Amino acid sequence: MFEKEAEEYATTGYEKKLLTKEQIEVLKCGRYDGFLKGAEFGFNKANEWHYVKDELPELYKDVLVVFPRGDCDVKRLTNHNEWVSRGSWCSITDVIAWKEIVLPELKESE
């Protein structure tokens, strides 16, 4: 999934170094594999669902929750074991899973 980016990362930055071709190839392989594994880990972590029966999110942090019917909402867990959002609340047992919300990076306009 991230092979193109890993290849680009692995093949840059060797121009000014005094290395043999063999050393560069070894470094490229290590950089490629490390980048690819890190990118895949981050992607999977960002898309990971957590089941309420196993773990709960940080208190008062907005998360995406899913209900038994399959519908979703953005809520936060309170110290009273309630899920709350704008004008609504539900019991902790009304939610089956939650997921961290990962926002896109915002780039400043030039």
N, C-alpha and C. Protein backbone atom coordinates (compact mmCIF):
# COMPACT_ATOMS: atom_id res chain seq x y z
N MET A 1 0.82 -1.19 0.00
CA MET A 1 0.00 0.00 0.00
C MET A 1 0.87 1.26 0.00
N PHE A 2 2.03 1.21 0.65
CA PHE A 2 2.91 2.37 0.75
C PHE A 2 4.24 2.15 0.04
N GLU A 3 4.25 1.24 -0.93
CA GLU A 3 5.50 0.86 -1.60
C GLU A 3 6.15 2.04 -2.33
N LYS A 4 5.36 2.86 -3.00
CA LYS A 4 5.91 4.00 -3.74
C LYS A 4 6.62 4.97 -2.80
N GLU A 5 5.98 5.30 -1.67
CA GLU A 5 6.57 6.22 -0.71
C GLU A 5 7.81 5.62 -0.06
N ALA A 6 7.78 4.31 0.22
CA ALA A 6 8.93 3.64 0.81
C ALA A 6 10.12 3.66 -0.15
N GLU A 7 9.86 3.43 -1.42
CA GLU A 7 10.93 3.46 -2.43
C GLU A 7 11.54 4.85 -2.52
N GLU A 8 10.70 5.87 -2.53
CA GLU A 8 11.19 7.24 -2.59
C GLU A 8 12.04 7.58 -1.37
N TYR A 9 11.58 7.19 -0.20
CA TYR A 9 12.32 7.44 1.04
C TYR A 9 13.65 6.69 1.04
N ALA A 10 13.63 5.44 0.58
CA ALA A 10 14.82 4.60 0.63
C ALA A 10 15.91 5.05 -0.34
N THR A 11 15.54 5.73 -1.40
CA THR A 11 16.52 6.06 -2.44
C THR A 11 17.01 7.50 -2.39
N THR A 12 16.68 8.25 -1.37
CA THR A 12 17.14 9.64 -1.29
C THR A 12 18.13 9.82 -0.15
N GLY A 13 19.02 10.80 -0.32
CA GLY A 13 19.91 11.19 0.75
C GLY A 13 21.28 10.56 0.73
N TYR A 14 21.66 9.87 -0.34
CA TYR A 14 22.97 9.22 -0.38
C TYR A 14 23.98 9.97 -1.26
N GLU A 15 23.56 11.05 -1.88
CA GLU A 15 24.40 11.72 -2.88
C GLU A 15 25.70 12.24 -2.30
N LYS A 16 25.69 12.75 -1.09
CA LYS A 16 26.88 13.39 -0.53
C LYS A 16 27.66 12.49 0.42
N LYS A 17 27.28 11.24 0.53
CA LYS A 17 27.96 10.33 1.44
C LYS A 17 28.99 9.49 0.67
N LEU A 18 30.10 9.21 1.31
CA LEU A 18 31.16 8.40 0.70
C LEU A 18 30.92 6.93 1.06
N LEU A 19 30.02 6.30 0.31
CA LEU A 19 29.67 4.91 0.56
C LEU A 19 29.86 4.10 -0.72
N THR A 20 30.13 2.81 -0.54
CA THR A 20 30.21 1.93 -1.71
C THR A 20 28.79 1.61 -2.17
N LYS A 21 28.68 1.10 -3.39
CA LYS A 21 27.35 0.73 -3.91
C LYS A 21 26.71 -0.35 -3.05
N GLU A 22 27.52 -1.28 -2.54
CA GLU A 22 26.98 -2.35 -1.70
C GLU A 22 26.42 -1.78 -0.39
N GLN A 23 27.14 -0.84 0.21
CA GLN A 23 26.67 -0.22 1.45
C GLN A 23 25.38 0.54 1.22
N ILE A 24 25.31 1.24 0.10
CA ILE A 24 24.08 1.99 -0.23
C ILE A 24 22.91 1.04 -0.41
N GLU A 25 23.12 -0.09 -1.09
CA GLU A 25 22.04 -1.06 -1.29
C GLU A 25 21.54 -1.63 0.03
N VAL A 26 22.47 -1.93 0.95
CA VAL A 26 22.07 -2.44 2.27
C VAL A 26 21.26 -1.39 3.01
N LEU A 27 21.72 -0.14 2.98
CA LEU A 27 20.98 0.94 3.65
C LEU A 27 19.62 1.15 3.02
N LYS A 28 19.54 1.09 1.69
CA LYS A 28 18.25 1.26 1.01
C LYS A 28 17.26 0.18 1.43
N CYS A 29 17.73 -1.06 1.50
CA CYS A 29 16.83 -2.16 1.89
C CYS A 29 16.30 -1.94 3.31
N GLY A 30 17.20 -1.54 4.22
CA GLY A 30 16.78 -1.29 5.60
C GLY A 30 15.82 -0.13 5.71
N ARG A 31 16.10 0.94 4.98
CA ARG A 31 15.22 2.11 5.02
C ARG A 31 13.86 1.77 4.40
N TYR A 32 13.87 1.03 3.30
CA TYR A 32 12.63 0.66 2.62
C TYR A 32 11.75 -0.18 3.56
N ASP A 33 12.35 -1.23 4.12
CA ASP A 33 11.58 -2.11 5.01
C ASP A 33 11.07 -1.37 6.24
N GLY A 34 11.93 -0.54 6.84
CA GLY A 34 11.51 0.21 8.03
C GLY A 34 10.40 1.19 7.74
N PHE A 35 10.51 1.90 6.62
CA PHE A 35 9.47 2.85 6.25
C PHE A 35 8.15 2.12 6.01
N LEU A 36 8.21 1.04 5.25
CA LEU A 36 7.00 0.29 4.90
C LEU A 36 6.32 -0.27 6.15
N LYS A 37 7.08 -0.86 7.03
CA LYS A 37 6.50 -1.43 8.26
C LYS A 37 5.91 -0.33 9.15
N GLY A 38 6.62 0.78 9.26
CA GLY A 38 6.13 1.89 10.07
C GLY A 38 4.85 2.50 9.50
N ALA A 39 4.81 2.68 8.18
CA ALA A 39 3.62 3.26 7.55
C ALA A 39 2.43 2.33 7.71
N GLU A 40 2.64 1.04 7.52
CA GLU A 40 1.53 0.08 7.66
C GLU A 40 1.06 0.00 9.11
N PHE A 41 1.99 0.04 10.06
CA PHE A 41 1.61 0.01 11.47
C PHE A 41 0.78 1.24 11.82
N GLY A 42 1.24 2.42 11.39
CA GLY A 42 0.51 3.65 11.67
C GLY A 42 -0.88 3.66 11.05
N PHE A 43 -0.97 3.19 9.81
CA PHE A 43 -2.26 3.13 9.12
C PHE A 43 -3.20 2.19 9.86
N ASN A 44 -2.72 1.02 10.21
CA ASN A 44 -3.56 0.05 10.93
C ASN A 44 -3.96 0.57 12.31
N LYS A 45 -3.05 1.23 13.00
CA LYS A 45 -3.35 1.77 14.32
C LYS A 45 -4.41 2.86 14.24
N ALA A 46 -4.32 3.70 13.20
CA ALA A 46 -5.28 4.79 13.05
C ALA A 46 -6.67 4.27 12.69
N ASN A 47 -6.75 3.07 12.15
CA ASN A 47 -8.04 2.51 11.74
C ASN A 47 -8.51 1.39 12.66
N GLU A 48 -7.95 1.35 13.84
CA GLU A 48 -8.24 0.26 14.78
C GLU A 48 -9.47 0.55 15.63
N TRP A 49 -10.38 -0.42 15.69
CA TRP A 49 -11.54 -0.33 16.57
C TRP A 49 -11.21 -1.01 17.89
N HIS A 50 -11.69 -0.44 18.97
CA HIS A 50 -11.49 -0.98 20.31
C HIS A 50 -12.85 -1.35 20.87
N TYR A 51 -12.96 -2.54 21.40
CA TYR A 51 -14.23 -2.98 21.98
C TYR A 51 -14.35 -2.50 23.43
N VAL A 52 -15.50 -1.97 23.78
CA VAL A 52 -15.74 -1.42 25.11
C VAL A 52 -15.51 -2.47 26.18
N LYS A 53 -15.81 -3.71 25.88
CA LYS A 53 -15.61 -4.77 26.87
C LYS A 53 -14.13 -4.99 27.19
N ASP A 54 -13.23 -4.56 26.27
CA ASP A 54 -11.79 -4.75 26.47
C ASP A 54 -11.08 -3.51 26.99
N GLU A 55 -11.47 -2.34 26.50
CA GLU A 55 -10.80 -1.10 26.92
C GLU A 55 -11.67 0.10 26.61
N LEU A 56 -11.40 1.16 27.33
CA LEU A 56 -12.15 2.40 27.17
C LEU A 56 -11.21 3.52 26.73
N PRO A 57 -11.76 4.53 26.06
CA PRO A 57 -10.90 5.65 25.64
C PRO A 57 -10.58 6.57 26.82
N GLU A 58 -9.69 7.49 26.56
CA GLU A 58 -9.36 8.53 27.52
C GLU A 58 -10.63 9.34 27.82
N LEU A 59 -10.84 9.71 29.06
CA LEU A 59 -12.02 10.48 29.43
C LEU A 59 -12.06 11.82 28.70
N TYR A 60 -13.23 12.21 28.29
CA TYR A 60 -13.52 13.51 27.66
C TYR A 60 -12.78 13.72 26.33
N LYS A 61 -12.41 12.65 25.67
CA LYS A 61 -11.78 12.75 24.36
C LYS A 61 -12.79 12.28 23.32
N ASP A 62 -13.05 13.10 22.30
CA ASP A 62 -13.99 12.71 21.25
C ASP A 62 -13.51 11.48 20.51
N VAL A 63 -14.40 10.50 20.38
CA VAL A 63 -14.11 9.28 19.63
C VAL A 63 -15.34 8.92 18.80
N LEU A 64 -15.13 8.12 17.79
CA LEU A 64 -16.23 7.61 16.98
C LEU A 64 -16.71 6.33 17.66
N VAL A 65 -18.00 6.25 17.93
CA VAL A 65 -18.55 5.06 18.59
C VAL A 65 -19.54 4.37 17.65
N VAL A 66 -19.68 3.07 17.86
CA VAL A 66 -20.65 2.30 17.07
C VAL A 66 -21.59 1.58 18.03
N PHE A 67 -22.86 1.61 17.66
CA PHE A 67 -23.91 1.00 18.47
C PHE A 67 -24.25 -0.38 17.91
N PRO A 68 -24.94 -1.22 18.67
CA PRO A 68 -25.30 -2.56 18.20
C PRO A 68 -26.07 -2.57 16.87
N ARG A 69 -26.81 -1.51 16.59
CA ARG A 69 -27.58 -1.44 15.33
C ARG A 69 -26.68 -1.15 14.12
N GLY A 70 -25.43 -0.73 14.41
CA GLY A 70 -24.50 -0.43 13.34
C GLY A 70 -24.34 1.05 13.05
N ASP A 71 -25.16 1.90 13.67
CA ASP A 71 -25.01 3.34 13.43
C ASP A 71 -23.88 3.89 14.31
N CYS A 72 -23.33 5.00 13.88
CA CYS A 72 -22.17 5.61 14.54
C CYS A 72 -22.49 7.03 14.99
N ASP A 73 -21.66 7.52 15.91
CA ASP A 73 -21.79 8.89 16.39
C ASP A 73 -20.45 9.29 17.00
N VAL A 74 -20.24 10.56 17.17
CA VAL A 74 -19.07 11.06 17.88
C VAL A 74 -19.50 11.37 19.30
N LYS A 75 -18.82 10.75 20.26
CA LYS A 75 -19.16 10.94 21.67
C LYS A 75 -17.87 10.97 22.47
N ARG A 76 -18.01 11.34 23.74
CA ARG A 76 -16.89 11.28 24.67
C ARG A 76 -17.37 10.62 25.95
N LEU A 77 -16.48 9.89 26.58
CA LEU A 77 -16.79 9.18 27.82
C LEU A 77 -16.54 10.10 29.01
N THR A 78 -17.50 10.13 29.94
CA THR A 78 -17.34 10.94 31.14
C THR A 78 -16.91 10.06 32.31
N ASN A 79 -16.55 10.70 33.41
CA ASN A 79 -16.17 9.94 34.61
C ASN A 79 -17.39 9.32 35.30
N HIS A 80 -18.58 9.55 34.75
CA HIS A 80 -19.81 8.93 35.27
C HIS A 80 -20.21 7.72 34.42
N ASN A 81 -19.28 7.23 33.59
CA ASN A 81 -19.53 6.09 32.69
C ASN A 81 -20.72 6.32 31.77
N GLU A 82 -20.78 7.52 31.22
CA GLU A 82 -21.80 7.86 30.23
C GLU A 82 -21.09 8.39 28.98
N TRP A 83 -21.67 8.08 27.84
CA TRP A 83 -21.21 8.65 26.57
C TRP A 83 -22.02 9.90 26.30
N VAL A 84 -21.38 11.01 26.07
CA VAL A 84 -22.11 12.26 25.83
C VAL A 84 -21.64 12.90 24.53
N SER A 85 -22.56 13.65 23.95
CA SER A 85 -22.26 14.50 22.80
C SER A 85 -23.19 15.69 22.88
N ARG A 86 -23.22 16.49 21.88
CA ARG A 86 -24.06 17.70 21.91
C ARG A 86 -25.53 17.35 22.16
N GLY A 87 -25.95 17.58 23.35
CA GLY A 87 -27.37 17.42 23.67
C GLY A 87 -27.86 16.01 23.86
N SER A 88 -26.98 15.02 23.79
CA SER A 88 -27.46 13.65 24.00
C SER A 88 -26.45 12.86 24.83
N TRP A 89 -26.94 11.80 25.44
CA TRP A 89 -26.08 10.93 26.21
C TRP A 89 -26.63 9.52 26.15
N CYS A 90 -25.79 8.55 26.51
CA CYS A 90 -26.23 7.17 26.61
C CYS A 90 -25.33 6.44 27.60
N SER A 91 -25.77 5.29 28.01
CA SER A 91 -25.04 4.49 28.98
C SER A 91 -23.78 3.91 28.34
N ILE A 92 -22.82 3.57 29.18
CA ILE A 92 -21.58 2.97 28.68
C ILE A 92 -21.86 1.66 27.98
N THR A 93 -22.92 0.95 28.39
CA THR A 93 -23.23 -0.35 27.78
C THR A 93 -23.97 -0.23 26.45
N ASP A 94 -24.36 0.98 26.06
CA ASP A 94 -25.06 1.18 24.79
C ASP A 94 -24.11 1.18 23.59
N VAL A 95 -22.82 1.28 23.84
CA VAL A 95 -21.81 1.34 22.78
C VAL A 95 -21.04 0.03 22.77
N ILE A 96 -20.79 -0.53 21.57
CA ILE A 96 -20.03 -1.79 21.53
C ILE A 96 -18.56 -1.57 21.20
N ALA A 97 -18.24 -0.51 20.44
CA ALA A 97 -16.84 -0.28 20.08
C ALA A 97 -16.60 1.21 19.85
N TRP A 98 -15.34 1.60 19.90
CA TRP A 98 -14.96 2.99 19.67
C TRP A 98 -13.65 3.03 18.88
N LYS A 99 -13.42 4.16 18.24
CA LYS A 99 -12.25 4.36 17.40
C LYS A 99 -11.77 5.78 17.57
N GLU A 100 -10.44 5.96 17.67
CA GLU A 100 -9.90 7.31 17.74
C GLU A 100 -10.19 8.05 16.44
N ILE A 101 -10.40 9.34 16.54
CA ILE A 101 -10.63 10.16 15.36
C ILE A 101 -9.28 10.75 14.94
N VAL A 102 -8.87 10.42 13.72
CA VAL A 102 -7.60 10.91 13.20
C VAL A 102 -7.90 11.93 12.11
N LEU A 103 -7.61 13.17 12.39
CA LEU A 103 -7.89 14.24 11.43
C LEU A 103 -6.76 14.33 10.40
N PRO A 104 -7.08 14.80 9.21
CA PRO A 104 -6.02 14.96 8.20
C PRO A 104 -5.11 16.11 8.57
N GLU A 105 -3.87 16.04 8.08
CA GLU A 105 -2.95 17.16 8.29
C GLU A 105 -3.40 18.33 7.46
N LEU A 106 -3.49 19.48 8.07
CA LEU A 106 -3.87 20.67 7.34
C LEU A 106 -2.61 21.38 6.85
N LYS A 107 -2.55 21.64 5.57
CA LYS A 107 -1.40 22.31 4.98
C LYS A 107 -1.70 23.80 4.86
N GLU A 108 -0.74 24.60 5.24
CA GLU A 108 -0.92 26.04 5.12
C GLU A 108 -0.91 26.44 3.65
N SER A 109 -1.79 27.34 3.29
CA SER A 109 -1.82 27.80 1.90
C SER A 109 -0.63 28.72 1.67
N GLU A 110 -0.05 28.59 0.48
CA GLU A 110 1.13 29.40 0.17
C GLU A 110 0.78 30.74 -0.40
